[in-house]
Protein backbone atom coordinates (compact mmCIF):
# COMPACT_ATOMS: atom_id res chain seq x y z
CA MET A 1 111.68 112.18 63.66
CA SER A 2 112.18 115.34 65.67
CA ARG A 3 113.98 115.46 68.66
CA PRO A 4 111.71 114.52 71.67
CA LEU A 5 111.26 116.91 74.53
CA LEU A 6 111.58 116.36 78.18
CA GLN A 7 108.60 116.70 80.60
CA LEU A 8 108.39 116.93 84.39
CA ALA A 9 105.63 115.19 86.07
CA LEU A 10 104.56 117.02 88.82
CA ASP A 11 102.27 114.19 90.72
CA HIS A 12 102.40 115.95 94.26
CA SER A 13 99.70 116.51 96.93
CA SER A 14 100.56 120.21 97.27
CA LEU A 15 101.54 123.24 95.21
CA GLU A 16 104.58 123.90 97.53
CA ALA A 17 105.98 120.44 96.83
CA ALA A 18 105.37 120.47 93.14
CA GLN A 19 107.44 124.10 92.99
CA ARG A 20 110.42 123.14 94.72
CA ASP A 21 111.13 120.79 92.23
CA VAL A 22 109.93 122.97 89.60
CA THR A 23 112.70 125.53 91.04
CA GLN A 24 115.28 122.59 91.17
CA LEU A 25 114.63 121.28 87.36
CA LYS A 26 112.91 123.96 85.32
CA ASP A 27 116.54 124.66 83.79
CA SER A 28 117.09 121.11 82.86
CA VAL A 29 113.33 119.91 81.35
CA ASP A 30 111.44 121.61 78.44
CA ILE A 31 107.62 120.64 79.45
CA VAL A 32 106.28 120.86 83.01
CA GLU A 33 103.14 119.15 83.82
CA ALA A 34 100.72 119.63 86.78
CA GLY A 35 99.82 116.18 87.63
CA THR A 36 96.16 114.97 87.97
CA ILE A 37 96.73 114.76 91.72
CA LEU A 38 98.22 118.12 91.99
CA CYS A 39 95.34 119.50 89.58
CA LEU A 40 92.58 117.55 91.69
CA ASN A 41 94.24 118.92 95.06
CA GLU A 42 94.91 122.52 94.23
CA GLY A 43 92.93 123.20 91.04
CA LEU A 44 93.52 126.02 88.53
CA GLY A 45 95.78 127.69 90.83
CA ALA A 46 98.25 124.84 90.22
CA VAL A 47 98.41 125.84 86.79
CA LYS A 48 98.24 129.67 86.84
CA ALA A 49 101.17 129.07 89.43
CA LEU A 50 103.06 127.11 87.50
CA ARG A 51 102.87 129.21 84.35
CA GLU A 52 104.10 132.21 86.48
CA GLN A 53 106.68 130.10 87.54
CA CYS A 54 107.64 128.99 84.15
CA PRO A 55 106.92 132.10 81.81
CA ASP A 56 108.42 130.42 78.75
CA LYS A 57 107.65 126.66 79.15
CA ILE A 58 105.15 124.38 77.65
CA ILE A 59 102.96 123.68 80.86
CA VAL A 60 100.35 120.59 80.46
CA ALA A 61 97.72 120.18 82.70
CA ASP A 62 97.05 116.64 83.02
CA TRP A 63 93.28 116.41 83.80
CA LYS A 64 91.83 113.10 83.27
CA VAL A 65 88.39 114.04 82.25
CA ALA A 66 85.70 112.05 80.65
CA ASP A 67 82.63 114.41 80.77
CA ALA A 68 82.99 118.42 80.25
CA GLY A 69 86.32 118.27 78.48
CA GLU A 70 86.11 120.80 76.25
CA THR A 71 84.88 123.00 79.67
CA LEU A 72 87.71 121.83 81.61
CA ALA A 73 90.20 122.09 78.73
CA GLN A 74 89.15 125.86 78.35
CA GLN A 75 89.53 126.58 81.97
CA ALA A 76 92.87 125.10 82.01
CA PHE A 77 93.94 127.14 78.86
CA GLY A 78 92.54 130.21 80.65
CA ALA A 79 94.81 129.27 83.66
CA GLY A 80 98.04 129.18 81.45
CA ALA A 81 98.02 125.63 80.34
CA ASN A 82 99.46 124.82 76.57
CA TRP A 83 98.17 121.32 76.35
CA MET A 84 95.38 118.90 77.83
CA LEU A 85 95.27 115.41 78.36
CA ASP A 86 88.97 109.12 72.59
CA ASP A 87 89.76 105.67 67.84
CA ALA A 88 93.20 107.18 67.13
CA ARG A 89 92.34 107.24 63.25
CA ASP A 90 89.26 109.59 64.13
CA TRP A 91 91.74 111.48 66.23
CA HIS A 92 93.84 112.05 63.50
CA ARG A 93 91.08 112.80 61.10
CA ILE A 94 89.75 115.43 63.22
CA GLY A 95 93.26 117.28 63.77
CA VAL A 96 94.68 115.44 66.91
CA ARG A 97 98.58 115.07 66.23
CA GLN A 98 99.60 114.11 69.66
CA ALA A 99 98.41 111.35 72.44
CA ILE A 100 99.72 110.16 75.56
CA TYR A 101 101.28 106.58 75.90
CA HIS A 102 100.80 106.00 79.54
CA ARG A 103 102.09 102.59 81.44
CA GLY A 104 99.96 102.70 84.51
CA ARG A 105 101.01 102.42 88.23
CA ASP A 106 99.84 98.94 88.62
CA ALA A 107 101.80 97.85 85.71
CA GLN A 108 104.86 99.34 87.01
CA ALA A 109 104.21 98.51 90.55
CA SER A 110 104.32 94.66 89.46
CA GLY A 111 107.39 94.91 88.06
CA GLN A 112 106.56 94.76 84.63
CA GLN A 113 108.93 96.29 81.55
CA TRP A 114 108.17 98.03 78.58
CA GLY A 115 107.38 95.13 76.52
CA GLU A 116 106.79 94.18 72.68
CA ALA A 117 102.99 94.74 73.13
CA ASP A 118 103.48 98.23 74.25
CA LEU A 119 105.76 98.79 71.76
CA ALA A 120 103.86 97.42 68.56
CA ARG A 121 100.60 99.61 69.91
CA MET A 122 103.21 102.36 70.03
CA LYS A 123 104.31 101.67 66.48
CA ALA A 124 100.85 101.16 65.37
CA LEU A 125 100.04 104.97 66.70
CA SER A 126 103.20 106.48 65.45
CA ASP A 127 102.48 105.11 61.69
CA ILE A 128 99.16 106.86 61.88
CA GLY A 129 100.87 110.21 62.28
CA LEU A 130 100.57 110.98 66.04
CA GLU A 131 103.37 111.79 68.22
CA LEU A 132 103.57 110.10 71.32
CA SER A 133 104.26 111.68 74.75
CA ILE A 134 105.43 108.45 76.44
CA THR A 135 105.18 107.88 80.38
CA GLY A 136 104.86 105.49 83.15
CA GLY A 137 108.23 104.78 85.21
CA ILE A 138 110.46 105.67 82.11
CA THR A 139 114.41 106.02 82.76
CA PRO A 140 117.38 107.10 80.41
CA ALA A 141 118.10 103.70 79.91
CA ASP A 142 114.81 102.75 78.28
CA LEU A 143 114.89 105.44 75.71
CA PRO A 144 116.41 103.11 73.02
CA LEU A 145 113.32 100.99 73.35
CA PHE A 146 111.51 103.97 71.62
CA LYS A 147 113.98 104.85 68.41
CA ASP A 148 111.53 104.05 65.62
CA ILE A 149 108.43 105.82 67.15
CA ARG A 150 107.54 109.46 66.55
CA VAL A 151 108.02 111.03 70.09
CA LYS A 152 107.07 114.07 71.24
CA ALA A 153 108.40 113.97 74.58
CA PHE A 154 108.92 111.69 77.32
CA ILE A 155 107.25 112.20 80.88
CA ALA A 156 109.32 111.52 83.90
CA GLY A 157 108.22 112.29 87.55
CA ARG A 158 109.83 109.97 90.15
CA ALA A 159 112.92 109.60 88.11
CA LEU A 160 113.73 113.11 87.75
CA ALA A 161 112.58 114.80 91.22
CA GLY A 162 112.60 111.52 93.32
CA SER A 163 116.27 111.20 92.41
CA ALA A 164 119.02 111.92 94.59
CA ASN A 165 120.38 113.87 91.78
CA PRO A 166 117.78 115.52 89.86
CA ALA A 167 119.68 117.49 87.38
CA GLN A 168 121.88 114.76 86.75
CA VAL A 169 119.27 112.66 85.59
CA ALA A 170 117.59 115.36 83.51
CA GLY A 171 121.20 115.19 81.83
CA ASP A 172 121.25 111.55 81.49
CA PHE A 173 117.79 112.07 79.67
CA HIS A 174 119.02 114.81 77.47
CA ALA A 175 122.46 112.70 76.61
CA GLN A 176 120.35 109.60 75.18
CA ILE A 177 117.79 111.71 73.30
CA ASP A 178 120.88 113.35 71.65
CA ALA A 179 122.20 109.96 71.12
CA ILE A 180 119.02 108.11 69.40
CA TRP A 181 117.67 111.51 67.56
CA GLY A 182 120.47 113.76 67.48
CA GLY A 183 120.38 117.52 67.62
CA LYS A 184 120.85 120.01 70.93
CA ARG A 185 117.90 120.85 73.11
CA ALA A 186 115.99 124.15 71.93
């Protein structure tokens, strides 16, 4: 399995706040995500601004779309996004190679930890051939749980931007990734 990447989730209401966190963390992460709230509040301008601020990073536009997905995806790609966020085997058969596994905020707020059911679902998706980006209150201490899963990226928002020392936490993520999957950051 290849070395997972570290993704910064910018779940902000304003572009200004998101860009402050990007300034502080862009050298410590591999991927920068315009979160759903940011995309809804700031539109494609958020994606364009992040592309300008991070010309060499992978930019994700996390638009939760059910209708007009293709049109909205093309708009996000036109604004500078590299990635956009329906049965898993069908996805893989038509060429999808990556999916996001998200533990919801409600589960996190209720104190729910990563459990056997989560890990079994992720392992089943991984065994199909999908690489997973994993998110939902993830911390560096959680990473050993995922050692048998094809992880494309770990997505962290509050754990990074909400910490007293974001660069140190990013370093902790990378140290865990190195210890489990080996290799160095690209």
